[in-house]
Amino acid sequence: MFSKFALFTVATLSLGAIAAPASSAPADVATAFLTAYSNMDYDSLKALTTDDFVFQDAAYPNIEGDVARGMYRWFIHDKEKTQMKVIIHNVTPSPTDPTVAIASFTDDYFFNGNHVINNITSTMTVADGKLAHEQDAYSFEAWAEQALGPLIGPLAAPLSVTQSIIQISAKVQLETFMLFNPE
């Protein structure tokens, strides 16, 4: 369920302003962050993260600060090539931790010409009204089957070495993007 703030954020972002959440409640901060991502609005997304923001998922096991934000900057930079769409499904407060929001969303994009629909559940920790930690969970095997294409994907996805290769490749590609596209 979206907070009332989500509509305010979409309206504000469409006007080109950097929006801050209506409150520092984790669900509001997470909604604002995902709305900025969905709108491919890097400036707002960046403004919603702590300096030491940490991101974790199957491809990026632990990136932080400028590198974590750089991953989002790269995705937004390449939005025309990847045709990235972010569909937010639900953002709710964690029932067990008042600093956490749980979000579900779908990234729909093309990776090396292959269509990927990645359903993600994200645990988002907020500190001082900003996103401090994002841990995304999804089926790596389902992602790899789509991302690696119909010939290689089904064969490579179940192999344990595939995730290590993807992590190394993702790290090199992100570092290359950041080197040639300084902020």
C-alpha atoms as a PDB file:
ATOM      1  CA  MET A   1       0.000   0.000   0.000  1.00  0.00           C
ATOM      2  CA  PHE A   2       1.396   3.388  -0.960  1.00  0.00           C
ATOM      3  CA  SER A   3       1.445   6.253   1.487  1.00  0.00           C
ATOM      4  CA  LYS A   4      -0.214   9.565   0.631  1.00  0.00           C
ATOM      5  CA  PHE A   5       3.336  10.776   0.186  1.00  0.00           C
ATOM      6  CA  ALA A   6       3.802   8.654  -2.947  1.00  0.00           C
ATOM      7  CA  LEU A   7       1.355  10.802  -4.897  1.00  0.00           C
ATOM      8  CA  PHE A   8       3.030  13.989  -3.603  1.00  0.00           C
ATOM      9  CA  THR A   9       6.421  12.608  -4.616  1.00  0.00           C
ATOM     10  CA  VAL A  10       5.312  11.719  -8.141  1.00  0.00           C
ATOM     11  CA  ALA A  11       3.777  15.179  -8.590  1.00  0.00           C
ATOM     12  CA  THR A  12       6.856  16.914  -7.190  1.00  0.00           C
ATOM     13  CA  LEU A  13       9.322  14.850  -9.202  1.00  0.00           C
ATOM     14  CA  SER A  14       7.408  15.463 -12.394  1.00  0.00           C
ATOM     15  CA  LEU A  15       7.984  19.174 -11.786  1.00  0.00           C
ATOM     16  CA  GLY A  16      11.715  18.544 -11.631  1.00  0.00           C
ATOM     17  CA  ALA A  17      12.188  19.347  -7.941  1.00  0.00           C
ATOM     18  CA  ILE A  18      14.190  17.192  -5.588  1.00  0.00           C
ATOM     19  CA  ALA A  19      11.601  15.900  -3.157  1.00  0.00           C
ATOM     20  CA  ALA A  20      12.173  14.924   0.432  1.00  0.00           C
ATOM     21  CA  PRO A  21       9.810  12.513   2.132  1.00  0.00           C
ATOM     22  CA  ALA A  22       6.900  13.999   4.056  1.00  0.00           C
ATOM     23  CA  SER A  23       8.234  12.224   7.132  1.00  0.00           C
ATOM     24  CA  SER A  24      11.260  10.221   8.146  1.00  0.00           C
ATOM     25  CA  ALA A  25       9.095   7.112   8.533  1.00  0.00           C
ATOM     26  CA  PRO A  26      10.867   4.243   6.769  1.00  0.00           C
ATOM     27  CA  ALA A  27       7.905   3.487   4.480  1.00  0.00           C
ATOM     28  CA  ASP A  28       7.789   7.132   3.342  1.00  0.00           C
ATOM     29  CA  VAL A  29      11.548   7.261   2.730  1.00  0.00           C
ATOM     30  CA  ALA A  30      11.500   3.922   0.876  1.00  0.00           C
ATOM     31  CA  THR A  31       8.511   5.050  -1.221  1.00  0.00           C
ATOM     32  CA  ALA A  32      10.263   8.306  -2.113  1.00  0.00           C
ATOM     33  CA  PHE A  33      13.448   6.433  -3.038  1.00  0.00           C
ATOM     34  CA  LEU A  34      11.654   3.885  -5.229  1.00  0.00           C
ATOM     35  CA  THR A  35       9.579   6.647  -6.830  1.00  0.00           C
ATOM     36  CA  ALA A  36      12.788   8.512  -7.702  1.00  0.00           C
ATOM     37  CA  TYR A  37      14.187   5.270  -9.159  1.00  0.00           C
ATOM     38  CA  SER A  38      10.976   4.648 -11.108  1.00  0.00           C
ATOM     39  CA  ASN A  39      11.151   8.208 -12.466  1.00  0.00           C
ATOM     40  CA  MET A  40      14.853   7.699 -13.296  1.00  0.00           C
ATOM     41  CA  ASP A  41      15.588  10.781 -11.161  1.00  0.00           C
ATOM     42  CA  TYR A  42      19.132  10.338  -9.897  1.00  0.00           C
ATOM     43  CA  ASP A  43      19.348  13.670  -8.052  1.00  0.00           C
ATOM     44  CA  SER A  44      16.334  12.841  -5.872  1.00  0.00           C
ATOM     45  CA  LEU A  45      17.489   9.268  -5.385  1.00  0.00           C
ATOM     46  CA  LYS A  46      20.933  10.467  -4.271  1.00  0.00           C
ATOM     47  CA  ALA A  47      19.430  13.045  -1.897  1.00  0.00           C
ATOM     48  CA  LEU A  48      17.465  10.256  -0.204  1.00  0.00           C
ATOM     49  CA  THR A  49      20.542   8.174   0.744  1.00  0.00           C
ATOM     50  CA  THR A  50      23.038   8.502   3.571  1.00  0.00           C
ATOM     51  CA  ASP A  51      26.673   9.217   2.711  1.00  0.00           C
ATOM     52  CA  ASP A  52      27.570   5.618   3.614  1.00  0.00           C
ATOM     53  CA  PHE A  53      24.520   4.032   1.923  1.00  0.00           C
ATOM     54  CA  VAL A  54      24.983   0.255   1.503  1.00  0.00           C
ATOM     55  CA  PHE A  55      23.420  -1.851  -1.264  1.00  0.00           C
ATOM     56  CA  GLN A  56      23.379  -5.653  -1.380  1.00  0.00           C
ATOM     57  CA  ASP A  57      21.953  -8.176  -3.814  1.00  0.00           C
ATOM     58  CA  ALA A  58      23.037 -11.294  -5.701  1.00  0.00           C
ATOM     59  CA  ALA A  59      25.098  -9.361  -8.279  1.00  0.00           C
ATOM     60  CA  TYR A  60      26.498  -6.755  -5.872  1.00  0.00           C
ATOM     61  CA  PRO A  61      27.039  -8.503  -2.531  1.00  0.00           C
ATOM     62  CA  ASN A  62      28.195  -5.349  -0.736  1.00  0.00           C
ATOM     63  CA  ILE A  63      28.730  -1.926  -2.296  1.00  0.00           C
ATOM     64  CA  GLU A  64      28.561   1.332  -0.419  1.00  0.00           C
ATOM     65  CA  GLY A  65      28.621   5.099  -0.616  1.00  0.00           C
ATOM     66  CA  ASP A  66      29.411   6.594  -4.008  1.00  0.00           C
ATOM     67  CA  VAL A  67      29.768   3.122  -5.544  1.00  0.00           C
ATOM     68  CA  ALA A  68      26.271   2.069  -4.428  1.00  0.00           C
ATOM     69  CA  ARG A  69      24.792   5.322  -5.717  1.00  0.00           C
ATOM     70  CA  GLY A  70      26.934   4.907  -8.848  1.00  0.00           C
ATOM     71  CA  MET A  71      25.132   1.654  -9.618  1.00  0.00           C
ATOM     72  CA  TYR A  72      21.827   3.519  -9.688  1.00  0.00           C
ATOM     73  CA  ARG A  73      23.395   6.370 -11.677  1.00  0.00           C
ATOM     74  CA  TRP A  74      24.594   3.789 -14.239  1.00  0.00           C
ATOM     75  CA  PHE A  75      21.149   2.180 -14.511  1.00  0.00           C
ATOM     76  CA  ILE A  76      19.524   5.587 -14.955  1.00  0.00           C
ATOM     77  CA  HIS A  77      22.204   6.699 -17.444  1.00  0.00           C
ATOM     78  CA  ASP A  78      21.549   3.605 -19.583  1.00  0.00           C
ATOM     79  CA  LYS A  79      17.735   3.808 -19.367  1.00  0.00           C
ATOM     80  CA  GLU A  80      17.319   4.338 -23.118  1.00  0.00           C
ATOM     81  CA  LYS A  81      19.435   1.292 -23.967  1.00  0.00           C
ATOM     82  CA  THR A  82      17.882  -0.972 -21.331  1.00  0.00           C
ATOM     83  CA  GLN A  83      14.328   0.430 -21.562  1.00  0.00           C
ATOM     84  CA  MET A  84      14.263   0.168 -17.757  1.00  0.00           C
ATOM     85  CA  LYS A  85      10.893   0.356 -16.047  1.00  0.00           C
ATOM     86  CA  VAL A  86      10.473   0.097 -12.287  1.00  0.00           C
ATOM     87  CA  ILE A  87       7.030  -0.932 -11.082  1.00  0.00           C
ATOM     88  CA  ILE A  88       6.421  -0.399  -7.369  1.00  0.00           C
ATOM     89  CA  HIS A  89       3.961  -2.900  -5.903  1.00  0.00           C
ATOM     90  CA  ASN A  90       3.989  -2.359  -2.173  1.00  0.00           C
ATOM     91  CA  VAL A  91       5.914  -0.519   0.547  1.00  0.00           C
ATOM     92  CA  THR A  92       5.096  -1.268   4.173  1.00  0.00           C
ATOM     93  CA  PRO A  93       6.692  -0.735   7.570  1.00  0.00           C
ATOM     94  CA  SER A  94       8.463  -3.765   8.965  1.00  0.00           C
ATOM     95  CA  PRO A  95       6.335  -5.437  11.635  1.00  0.00           C
ATOM     96  CA  THR A  96       9.448  -6.140  13.728  1.00  0.00           C
ATOM     97  CA  ASP A  97      11.830  -3.201  13.224  1.00  0.00           C
ATOM     98  CA  PRO A  98      10.712   0.449  13.332  1.00  0.00           C
ATOM     99  CA  THR A  99      13.719   1.538  11.208  1.00  0.00           C
ATOM    100  CA  VAL A 100      12.870  -0.765   8.296  1.00  0.00           C
ATOM    101  CA  ALA A 101      10.455  -0.774   5.373  1.00  0.00           C
ATOM    102  CA  ILE A 102       9.769  -3.790   3.179  1.00  0.00           C
ATOM    103  CA  ALA A 103       9.194  -3.022  -0.491  1.00  0.00           C
ATOM    104  CA  SER A 104       8.218  -5.168  -3.423  1.00  0.00           C
ATOM    105  CA  PHE A 105       8.822  -3.966  -6.942  1.00  0.00           C
ATOM    106  CA  THR A 106       9.645  -5.230 -10.407  1.00  0.00           C
ATOM    107  CA  ASP A 107      12.542  -4.154 -12.602  1.00  0.00           C
ATOM    108  CA  ASP A 108      11.582  -4.703 -16.242  1.00  0.00           C
ATOM    109  CA  TYR A 109      14.450  -4.104 -18.679  1.00  0.00           C
ATOM    110  CA  PHE A 110      16.737  -5.477 -21.382  1.00  0.00           C
ATOM    111  CA  PHE A 111      20.138  -6.892 -20.441  1.00  0.00           C
ATOM    112  CA  ASN A 112      22.440  -7.525 -23.406  1.00  0.00           C
ATOM    113  CA  GLY A 113      19.341  -7.692 -25.596  1.00  0.00           C
ATOM    114  CA  ASN A 114      17.528 -10.179 -23.359  1.00  0.00           C
ATOM    115  CA  HIS A 115      14.245  -9.193 -21.704  1.00  0.00           C
ATOM    116  CA  VAL A 116      14.391  -9.454 -17.908  1.00  0.00           C
ATOM    117  CA  ILE A 117      11.485  -9.199 -15.501  1.00  0.00           C
ATOM    118  CA  ASN A 118      12.959  -9.274 -12.001  1.00  0.00           C
ATOM    119  CA  ASN A 119      10.567  -9.388  -9.035  1.00  0.00           C
ATOM    120  CA  ILE A 120      12.368  -7.969  -6.008  1.00  0.00           C
ATOM    121  CA  THR A 121      11.660  -7.813  -2.292  1.00  0.00           C
ATOM    122  CA  SER A 122      13.766  -5.144  -0.657  1.00  0.00           C
ATOM    123  CA  THR A 123      14.539  -4.635   3.012  1.00  0.00           C
ATOM    124  CA  MET A 124      15.254  -0.920   3.377  1.00  0.00           C
ATOM    125  CA  THR A 125      16.759   0.483   6.573  1.00  0.00           C
ATOM    126  CA  VAL A 126      16.380   4.187   7.288  1.00  0.00           C
ATOM    127  CA  ALA A 127      18.599   6.354   9.511  1.00  0.00           C
ATOM    128  CA  ASP A 128      18.081  10.067  10.112  1.00  0.00           C
ATOM    129  CA  GLY A 129      15.346  10.232   7.476  1.00  0.00           C
ATOM    130  CA  LYS A 130      17.476   8.742   4.685  1.00  0.00           C
ATOM    131  CA  LEU A 131      17.979   5.305   3.201  1.00  0.00           C
ATOM    132  CA  ALA A 132      21.036   3.772   4.870  1.00  0.00           C
ATOM    133  CA  HIS A 133      20.869   0.151   3.696  1.00  0.00           C
ATOM    134  CA  GLU A 134      19.043  -1.671   0.915  1.00  0.00           C
ATOM    135  CA  GLN A 135      19.110  -5.442   0.686  1.00  0.00           C
ATOM    136  CA  ASP A 136      17.342  -6.817  -2.388  1.00  0.00           C
ATOM    137  CA  ALA A 137      16.219 -10.425  -2.608  1.00  0.00           C
ATOM    138  CA  TYR A 138      15.138 -12.196  -5.784  1.00  0.00           C
ATOM    139  CA  SER A 139      15.610 -15.507  -7.541  1.00  0.00           C
ATOM    140  CA  PHE A 140      19.126 -15.312  -8.961  1.00  0.00           C
ATOM    141  CA  GLU A 141      18.498 -18.412 -11.029  1.00  0.00           C
ATOM    142  CA  ALA A 142      15.351 -16.925 -12.630  1.00  0.00           C
ATOM    143  CA  TRP A 143      17.215 -13.657 -13.252  1.00  0.00           C
ATOM    144  CA  ALA A 144      20.195 -15.459 -14.846  1.00  0.00           C
ATOM    145  CA  GLU A 145      17.971 -17.586 -17.075  1.00  0.00           C
ATOM    146  CA  GLN A 146      16.465 -14.397 -18.515  1.00  0.00           C
ATOM    147  CA  ALA A 147      19.575 -12.191 -18.524  1.00  0.00           C
ATOM    148  CA  LEU A 148      21.880 -14.747 -20.133  1.00  0.00           C
ATOM    149  CA  GLY A 149      19.398 -15.570 -22.876  1.00  0.00           C
ATOM    150  CA  PRO A 150      17.437 -18.622 -23.956  1.00  0.00           C
ATOM    151  CA  LEU A 151      20.452 -20.709 -25.036  1.00  0.00           C
ATOM    152  CA  ILE A 152      22.927 -20.094 -22.223  1.00  0.00           C
ATOM    153  CA  GLY A 153      20.611 -19.006 -19.396  1.00  0.00           C
ATOM    154  CA  PRO A 154      18.912 -22.313 -18.564  1.00  0.00           C
ATOM    155  CA  LEU A 155      22.248 -24.160 -18.681  1.00  0.00           C
ATOM    156  CA  ALA A 156      24.336 -21.635 -16.725  1.00  0.00           C
ATOM    157  CA  ALA A 157      21.812 -20.335 -14.178  1.00  0.00           C
ATOM    158  CA  PRO A 158      21.879 -23.374 -11.859  1.00  0.00           C
ATOM    159  CA  LEU A 159      25.694 -23.502 -11.721  1.00  0.00           C
ATOM    160  CA  SER A 160      27.244 -22.030  -8.571  1.00  0.00           C
ATOM    161  CA  VAL A 161      30.084 -20.499 -10.581  1.00  0.00           C
ATOM    162  CA  THR A 162      27.611 -18.390 -12.582  1.00  0.00           C
ATOM    163  CA  GLN A 163      26.877 -16.076  -9.663  1.00  0.00           C
ATOM    164  CA  SER A 164      30.602 -15.506  -9.052  1.00  0.00           C
ATOM    165  CA  ILE A 165      31.165 -14.699 -12.727  1.00  0.00           C
ATOM    166  CA  ILE A 166      28.187 -12.304 -12.721  1.00  0.00           C
ATOM    167  CA  GLN A 167      29.510 -10.574  -9.574  1.00  0.00           C
ATOM    168  CA  ILE A 168      32.971 -10.068 -11.089  1.00  0.00           C
ATOM    169  CA  SER A 169      31.510  -8.853 -14.378  1.00  0.00           C
ATOM    170  CA  ALA A 170      29.084  -6.483 -12.620  1.00  0.00           C
ATOM    171  CA  LYS A 171      31.898  -5.032 -10.505  1.00  0.00           C
ATOM    172  CA  VAL A 172      34.136  -4.420 -13.535  1.00  0.00           C
ATOM    173  CA  GLN A 173      31.277  -2.893 -15.568  1.00  0.00           C
ATOM    174  CA  LEU A 174      30.254  -0.589 -12.708  1.00  0.00           C
ATOM    175  CA  GLU A 175      33.851   0.520 -12.097  1.00  0.00           C
ATOM    176  CA  THR A 176      34.282   1.167 -15.835  1.00  0.00           C
ATOM    177  CA  PHE A 177      31.089   3.226 -15.972  1.00  0.00           C
ATOM    178  CA  MET A 178      32.162   5.287 -12.973  1.00  0.00           C
ATOM    179  CA  LEU A 179      35.655   5.822 -14.411  1.00  0.00           C
ATOM    180  CA  PHE A 180      34.357   7.137 -17.736  1.00  0.00           C
ATOM    181  CA  ASN A 181      31.306   8.924 -16.286  1.00  0.00           C
ATOM    182  CA  PRO A 182      32.463  10.798 -13.187  1.00  0.00           C
ATOM    183  CA  GLU A 183      29.781  12.534 -11.210  1.00  0.00           C
END
